[in-house]
Amino acid sequence: MNRSIFRVVVAAAAAVLVASSALAHHGAASIYDMGKETTIKATVTEYAWTNPHVELGISPSGGTATELLLELGSPPNIRNRGWTSRTVKAGDVVTVTFHPGLRGQKIGVVIKLVTAEGKELHA
């Protein structure tokens, strides 16, 4: 195979790999209504401090079952904003503001959270 054909094949393969990895990570606007903010008081049902995103399960009705699953940034990113792996725990009552999921999905992305003690944290 001559060098110019080899270069074209390598360049095409690299372009496919870069494009596929860029598409693998979702954009927030494709699953959340970024033009809408919802604020509710809810009980924490779960708090998972894990990569790639920290997750917060809440129950607006005060139950123990997760009714909404909210996403935050990665642990290093939100740690820089004052969050820790112990910021909240199951049973805590919080006020959370988030962008809700599109099409009625029971998901969202956190904008800010206020703990029962009044500590305000931004995501």
N, C-alpha and C. Protein backbone atom coordinates (compact mmCIF):
# COMPACT_ATOMS: atom_id res chain seq x y z
N MET A 1 0.86 -1.17 0.00
CA MET A 1 0.00 0.00 0.00
C MET A 1 0.90 1.23 0.00
N ASN A 2 0.60 2.20 -0.87
CA ASN A 2 1.48 3.35 -0.88
C ASN A 2 1.18 4.28 0.31
N ARG A 3 2.11 5.15 0.61
CA ARG A 3 2.04 5.99 1.82
C ARG A 3 0.82 6.91 1.85
N SER A 4 0.43 7.48 0.75
CA SER A 4 -0.70 8.43 0.77
C SER A 4 -2.02 7.71 1.06
N ILE A 5 -2.21 6.52 0.54
CA ILE A 5 -3.42 5.75 0.84
C ILE A 5 -3.41 5.35 2.31
N PHE A 6 -2.25 4.91 2.80
CA PHE A 6 -2.12 4.53 4.20
C PHE A 6 -2.48 5.72 5.10
N ARG A 7 -2.00 6.90 4.78
CA ARG A 7 -2.29 8.11 5.58
C ARG A 7 -3.79 8.42 5.58
N VAL A 8 -4.43 8.27 4.46
CA VAL A 8 -5.87 8.53 4.37
C VAL A 8 -6.63 7.54 5.23
N VAL A 9 -6.25 6.26 5.17
CA VAL A 9 -6.91 5.24 5.98
C VAL A 9 -6.72 5.51 7.47
N VAL A 10 -5.52 5.86 7.87
CA VAL A 10 -5.23 6.16 9.28
C VAL A 10 -6.02 7.40 9.72
N ALA A 11 -6.05 8.43 8.90
CA ALA A 11 -6.80 9.65 9.24
C ALA A 11 -8.29 9.37 9.36
N ALA A 12 -8.83 8.56 8.47
CA ALA A 12 -10.26 8.22 8.54
C ALA A 12 -10.57 7.42 9.80
N ALA A 13 -9.71 6.47 10.14
CA ALA A 13 -9.92 5.68 11.36
C ALA A 13 -9.85 6.58 12.59
N ALA A 14 -8.91 7.49 12.63
CA ALA A 14 -8.79 8.42 13.77
C ALA A 14 -10.03 9.29 13.88
N ALA A 15 -10.55 9.76 12.75
CA ALA A 15 -11.75 10.61 12.77
C ALA A 15 -12.94 9.83 13.32
N VAL A 16 -13.09 8.59 12.92
CA VAL A 16 -14.20 7.76 13.42
C VAL A 16 -14.07 7.55 14.92
N LEU A 17 -12.88 7.26 15.41
CA LEU A 17 -12.67 7.04 16.84
C LEU A 17 -12.96 8.30 17.65
N VAL A 18 -12.50 9.46 17.19
CA VAL A 18 -12.74 10.71 17.90
C VAL A 18 -14.22 11.04 17.91
N ALA A 19 -14.88 10.88 16.78
CA ALA A 19 -16.31 11.19 16.70
C ALA A 19 -17.13 10.27 17.60
N SER A 20 -16.81 8.99 17.63
CA SER A 20 -17.59 8.07 18.44
C SER A 20 -17.41 8.33 19.93
N SER A 21 -16.20 8.70 20.36
CA SER A 21 -16.00 8.99 21.77
C SER A 21 -16.66 10.30 22.15
N ALA A 22 -16.71 11.26 21.26
CA ALA A 22 -17.38 12.53 21.55
C ALA A 22 -18.88 12.32 21.70
N LEU A 23 -19.45 11.43 20.92
CA LEU A 23 -20.88 11.17 20.99
C LEU A 23 -21.26 10.27 22.17
N ALA A 24 -20.31 9.55 22.70
CA ALA A 24 -20.60 8.61 23.78
C ALA A 24 -21.06 9.32 25.04
N HIS A 25 -20.57 10.52 25.31
CA HIS A 25 -20.97 11.27 26.50
C HIS A 25 -22.15 12.15 26.13
N HIS A 26 -23.24 12.01 26.87
CA HIS A 26 -24.46 12.73 26.54
C HIS A 26 -24.32 14.22 26.83
N GLY A 27 -25.08 15.01 26.11
CA GLY A 27 -25.19 16.42 26.39
C GLY A 27 -26.39 16.63 27.30
N ALA A 28 -26.26 17.52 28.27
CA ALA A 28 -27.34 17.72 29.24
C ALA A 28 -28.65 18.13 28.57
N ALA A 29 -28.57 18.94 27.52
CA ALA A 29 -29.78 19.42 26.87
C ALA A 29 -30.54 18.31 26.16
N SER A 30 -29.90 17.17 25.93
CA SER A 30 -30.59 16.09 25.24
C SER A 30 -31.46 15.25 26.17
N ILE A 31 -31.26 15.37 27.50
CA ILE A 31 -32.07 14.59 28.43
C ILE A 31 -32.71 15.41 29.53
N TYR A 32 -32.26 16.67 29.71
CA TYR A 32 -32.83 17.54 30.74
C TYR A 32 -33.40 18.79 30.10
N ASP A 33 -34.44 19.35 30.71
CA ASP A 33 -35.02 20.61 30.25
C ASP A 33 -34.22 21.74 30.89
N MET A 34 -33.17 22.18 30.20
CA MET A 34 -32.26 23.18 30.75
C MET A 34 -32.89 24.57 30.84
N GLY A 35 -34.06 24.75 30.26
CA GLY A 35 -34.76 26.02 30.35
C GLY A 35 -35.73 26.08 31.52
N LYS A 36 -35.84 25.02 32.28
CA LYS A 36 -36.79 24.94 33.38
C LYS A 36 -36.06 24.58 34.67
N GLU A 37 -36.43 25.25 35.76
CA GLU A 37 -35.90 24.92 37.08
C GLU A 37 -37.05 24.53 37.99
N THR A 38 -36.85 23.48 38.74
CA THR A 38 -37.85 23.00 39.70
C THR A 38 -37.20 22.99 41.08
N THR A 39 -37.90 23.50 42.07
CA THR A 39 -37.41 23.48 43.45
C THR A 39 -38.42 22.73 44.31
N ILE A 40 -37.93 21.73 45.03
CA ILE A 40 -38.81 20.94 45.90
C ILE A 40 -38.09 20.61 47.21
N LYS A 41 -38.90 20.36 48.23
CA LYS A 41 -38.40 19.85 49.49
C LYS A 41 -38.62 18.34 49.44
N ALA A 42 -37.59 17.57 49.76
CA ALA A 42 -37.68 16.11 49.61
C ALA A 42 -36.78 15.41 50.62
N THR A 43 -37.04 14.13 50.77
CA THR A 43 -36.23 13.28 51.63
C THR A 43 -35.21 12.55 50.77
N VAL A 44 -33.95 12.55 51.21
CA VAL A 44 -32.90 11.83 50.49
C VAL A 44 -33.11 10.33 50.70
N THR A 45 -33.11 9.59 49.60
CA THR A 45 -33.24 8.13 49.68
C THR A 45 -31.92 7.43 49.41
N GLU A 46 -31.06 8.08 48.65
CA GLU A 46 -29.74 7.53 48.35
C GLU A 46 -28.82 8.64 47.89
N TYR A 47 -27.53 8.46 48.12
CA TYR A 47 -26.52 9.43 47.73
C TYR A 47 -25.28 8.63 47.35
N ALA A 48 -25.00 8.55 46.06
CA ALA A 48 -23.90 7.73 45.57
C ALA A 48 -22.76 8.63 45.10
N TRP A 49 -21.68 8.64 45.85
CA TRP A 49 -20.49 9.43 45.54
C TRP A 49 -19.60 8.57 44.65
N THR A 50 -19.83 8.65 43.34
CA THR A 50 -19.15 7.75 42.42
C THR A 50 -18.93 8.43 41.07
N ASN A 51 -17.97 7.94 40.32
CA ASN A 51 -17.72 8.43 38.97
C ASN A 51 -18.63 7.71 38.00
N PRO A 52 -19.03 8.27 36.90
CA PRO A 52 -18.61 9.57 36.42
C PRO A 52 -19.42 10.72 37.01
N HIS A 53 -20.59 10.44 37.61
CA HIS A 53 -21.42 11.48 38.21
C HIS A 53 -21.93 11.02 39.56
N VAL A 54 -21.95 11.95 40.50
CA VAL A 54 -22.57 11.68 41.80
C VAL A 54 -24.07 11.67 41.57
N GLU A 55 -24.78 10.75 42.24
CA GLU A 55 -26.23 10.64 42.07
C GLU A 55 -26.93 10.84 43.41
N LEU A 56 -28.07 11.50 43.34
CA LEU A 56 -28.88 11.80 44.52
C LEU A 56 -30.29 11.30 44.26
N GLY A 57 -30.74 10.33 45.04
CA GLY A 57 -32.11 9.84 44.96
C GLY A 57 -32.94 10.57 45.99
N ILE A 58 -34.12 11.02 45.59
CA ILE A 58 -34.98 11.74 46.52
C ILE A 58 -36.42 11.26 46.41
N SER A 59 -37.16 11.54 47.50
CA SER A 59 -38.58 11.23 47.54
C SER A 59 -39.32 12.50 47.97
N PRO A 60 -39.98 13.18 47.02
CA PRO A 60 -40.74 14.38 47.39
C PRO A 60 -41.89 14.08 48.35
N SER A 61 -42.37 12.84 48.35
CA SER A 61 -43.48 12.48 49.24
C SER A 61 -43.00 12.08 50.64
N GLY A 62 -41.67 12.05 50.84
CA GLY A 62 -41.14 11.73 52.15
C GLY A 62 -40.93 10.26 52.41
N GLY A 63 -41.11 9.43 51.40
CA GLY A 63 -40.94 7.99 51.57
C GLY A 63 -39.49 7.55 51.51
N THR A 64 -39.30 6.24 51.53
CA THR A 64 -37.95 5.70 51.47
C THR A 64 -37.57 5.20 50.08
N ALA A 65 -38.53 5.15 49.18
CA ALA A 65 -38.25 4.71 47.80
C ALA A 65 -37.86 5.92 46.94
N THR A 66 -36.88 5.74 46.07
CA THR A 66 -36.45 6.81 45.18
C THR A 66 -37.53 7.10 44.15
N GLU A 67 -37.98 8.35 44.15
CA GLU A 67 -38.99 8.78 43.17
C GLU A 67 -38.36 9.61 42.06
N LEU A 68 -37.28 10.28 42.36
CA LEU A 68 -36.53 11.06 41.38
C LEU A 68 -35.05 10.76 41.56
N LEU A 69 -34.34 10.57 40.45
CA LEU A 69 -32.90 10.35 40.51
C LEU A 69 -32.23 11.56 39.87
N LEU A 70 -31.45 12.27 40.68
CA LEU A 70 -30.81 13.50 40.22
C LEU A 70 -29.32 13.29 40.06
N GLU A 71 -28.77 13.94 39.06
CA GLU A 71 -27.35 13.82 38.75
C GLU A 71 -26.62 15.10 39.14
N LEU A 72 -25.40 14.93 39.62
CA LEU A 72 -24.51 16.05 39.88
C LEU A 72 -23.27 15.86 39.01
N GLY A 73 -22.27 16.68 39.21
CA GLY A 73 -21.01 16.52 38.49
C GLY A 73 -20.20 15.37 39.05
N SER A 74 -18.97 15.27 38.60
CA SER A 74 -18.07 14.24 39.10
C SER A 74 -17.60 14.61 40.50
N PRO A 75 -17.19 13.63 41.29
CA PRO A 75 -16.73 13.94 42.66
C PRO A 75 -15.67 15.04 42.73
N PRO A 76 -14.62 15.02 41.89
CA PRO A 76 -13.64 16.11 42.00
C PRO A 76 -14.22 17.49 41.70
N ASN A 77 -15.14 17.56 40.74
CA ASN A 77 -15.72 18.85 40.39
C ASN A 77 -16.61 19.40 41.49
N ILE A 78 -17.45 18.58 42.07
CA ILE A 78 -18.34 19.12 43.10
C ILE A 78 -17.64 19.25 44.45
N ARG A 79 -16.58 18.50 44.66
CA ARG A 79 -15.77 18.68 45.88
C ARG A 79 -15.24 20.11 45.93
N ASN A 80 -14.89 20.64 44.77
CA ASN A 80 -14.39 22.02 44.69
C ASN A 80 -15.47 23.04 45.05
N ARG A 81 -16.72 22.61 45.10
CA ARG A 81 -17.83 23.50 45.45
C ARG A 81 -18.34 23.23 46.86
N GLY A 82 -17.61 22.44 47.63
CA GLY A 82 -17.97 22.21 49.03
C GLY A 82 -18.68 20.91 49.34
N TRP A 83 -18.96 20.10 48.33
CA TRP A 83 -19.61 18.81 48.55
C TRP A 83 -18.60 17.79 49.05
N THR A 84 -19.05 16.82 49.83
CA THR A 84 -18.22 15.69 50.23
C THR A 84 -19.07 14.42 50.11
N SER A 85 -18.45 13.30 50.38
CA SER A 85 -19.18 12.04 50.33
C SER A 85 -20.17 11.93 51.48
N ARG A 86 -20.11 12.86 52.43
CA ARG A 86 -21.01 12.85 53.58
C ARG A 86 -21.91 14.08 53.65
N THR A 87 -22.04 14.78 52.56
CA THR A 87 -22.87 16.00 52.55
C THR A 87 -24.29 15.70 52.98
N VAL A 88 -24.86 14.64 52.44
CA VAL A 88 -26.21 14.20 52.82
C VAL A 88 -26.21 12.69 52.98
N LYS A 89 -27.26 12.20 53.62
CA LYS A 89 -27.42 10.75 53.78
C LYS A 89 -28.90 10.43 53.69
N ALA A 90 -29.20 9.18 53.49
CA ALA A 90 -30.60 8.75 53.42
C ALA A 90 -31.33 9.20 54.68
N GLY A 91 -32.51 9.77 54.49
CA GLY A 91 -33.32 10.26 55.59
C GLY A 91 -33.24 11.76 55.80
N ASP A 92 -32.19 12.41 55.27
CA ASP A 92 -32.08 13.86 55.39
C ASP A 92 -33.17 14.53 54.56
N VAL A 93 -33.71 15.63 55.08
CA VAL A 93 -34.67 16.43 54.33
C VAL A 93 -33.92 17.62 53.76
N VAL A 94 -34.03 17.80 52.45
CA VAL A 94 -33.30 18.85 51.74
C VAL A 94 -34.26 19.62 50.84
N THR A 95 -33.81 20.78 50.42
CA THR A 95 -34.51 21.53 49.37
C THR A 95 -33.56 21.55 48.19
N VAL A 96 -34.04 21.05 47.07
CA VAL A 96 -33.17 20.91 45.90
C VAL A 96 -33.78 21.60 44.70
N THR A 97 -32.94 22.32 43.97
CA THR A 97 -33.34 22.97 42.72
C THR A 97 -32.62 22.24 41.60
N PHE A 98 -33.37 21.87 40.57
CA PHE A 98 -32.79 21.06 39.49
C PHE A 98 -33.48 21.34 38.17
N HIS A 99 -32.79 20.96 37.10
CA HIS A 99 -33.39 20.96 35.76
C HIS A 99 -34.03 19.59 35.61
N PRO A 100 -35.36 19.52 35.37
CA PRO A 100 -36.04 18.22 35.29
C PRO A 100 -35.75 17.50 33.97
N GLY A 101 -36.02 16.20 33.97
CA GLY A 101 -35.86 15.40 32.77
C GLY A 101 -36.89 15.79 31.72
N LEU A 102 -36.54 15.57 30.49
CA LEU A 102 -37.47 15.82 29.39
C LEU A 102 -38.54 14.75 29.35
N ARG A 103 -39.68 15.08 28.77
CA ARG A 103 -40.78 14.14 28.53
C ARG A 103 -41.24 13.42 29.79
N GLY A 104 -41.21 14.13 30.93
CA GLY A 104 -41.73 13.56 32.17
C GLY A 104 -40.86 12.52 32.84
N GLN A 105 -39.65 12.33 32.36
CA GLN A 105 -38.77 11.35 32.98
C GLN A 105 -38.49 11.75 34.42
N LYS A 106 -38.35 10.80 35.30
CA LYS A 106 -38.15 11.03 36.73
C LYS A 106 -36.66 11.18 37.05
N ILE A 107 -36.02 12.10 36.30
CA ILE A 107 -34.60 12.39 36.47
C ILE A 107 -34.41 13.89 36.46
N GLY A 108 -33.21 14.32 36.80
CA GLY A 108 -32.90 15.73 36.75
C GLY A 108 -31.42 15.95 36.99
N VAL A 109 -30.99 17.19 36.79
CA VAL A 109 -29.61 17.56 37.07
C VAL A 109 -29.64 18.69 38.10
N VAL A 110 -28.93 18.50 39.20
CA VAL A 110 -28.97 19.43 40.33
C VAL A 110 -28.31 20.75 39.98
N ILE A 111 -28.99 21.83 40.40
CA ILE A 111 -28.43 23.18 40.31
C ILE A 111 -27.89 23.57 41.68
N LYS A 112 -28.73 23.40 42.71
CA LYS A 112 -28.28 23.67 44.08
C LYS A 112 -29.09 22.84 45.06
N LEU A 113 -28.53 22.69 46.24
CA LEU A 113 -29.17 21.94 47.31
C LEU A 113 -28.99 22.72 48.60
N VAL A 114 -30.04 22.77 49.41
CA VAL A 114 -29.97 23.40 50.72
C VAL A 114 -30.24 22.31 51.75
N THR A 115 -29.30 22.11 52.66
CA THR A 115 -29.45 21.08 53.68
C THR A 115 -30.45 21.53 54.73
N ALA A 116 -30.85 20.62 55.60
CA ALA A 116 -31.79 20.93 56.68
C ALA A 116 -31.20 22.00 57.60
N GLU A 117 -29.87 22.05 57.69
CA GLU A 117 -29.21 23.04 58.54
C GLU A 117 -29.08 24.41 57.86
N GLY A 118 -29.49 24.49 56.59
CA GLY A 118 -29.45 25.75 55.86
C GLY A 118 -28.21 25.98 55.02
N LYS A 119 -27.33 24.98 54.93
CA LYS A 119 -26.14 25.11 54.12
C LYS A 119 -26.52 24.98 52.65
N GLU A 120 -26.15 25.98 51.85
CA GLU A 120 -26.46 25.99 50.42
C GLU A 120 -25.24 25.56 49.62
N LEU A 121 -25.44 24.56 48.77
CA LEU A 121 -24.37 24.04 47.93
C LEU A 121 -24.80 24.07 46.47
N HIS A 122 -23.92 24.56 45.63
CA HIS A 122 -24.20 24.59 44.19
C HIS A 122 -23.50 23.42 43.52
N ALA A 123 -24.14 22.88 42.51
CA ALA A 123 -23.59 21.71 41.82
C ALA A 123 -22.68 22.13 40.66
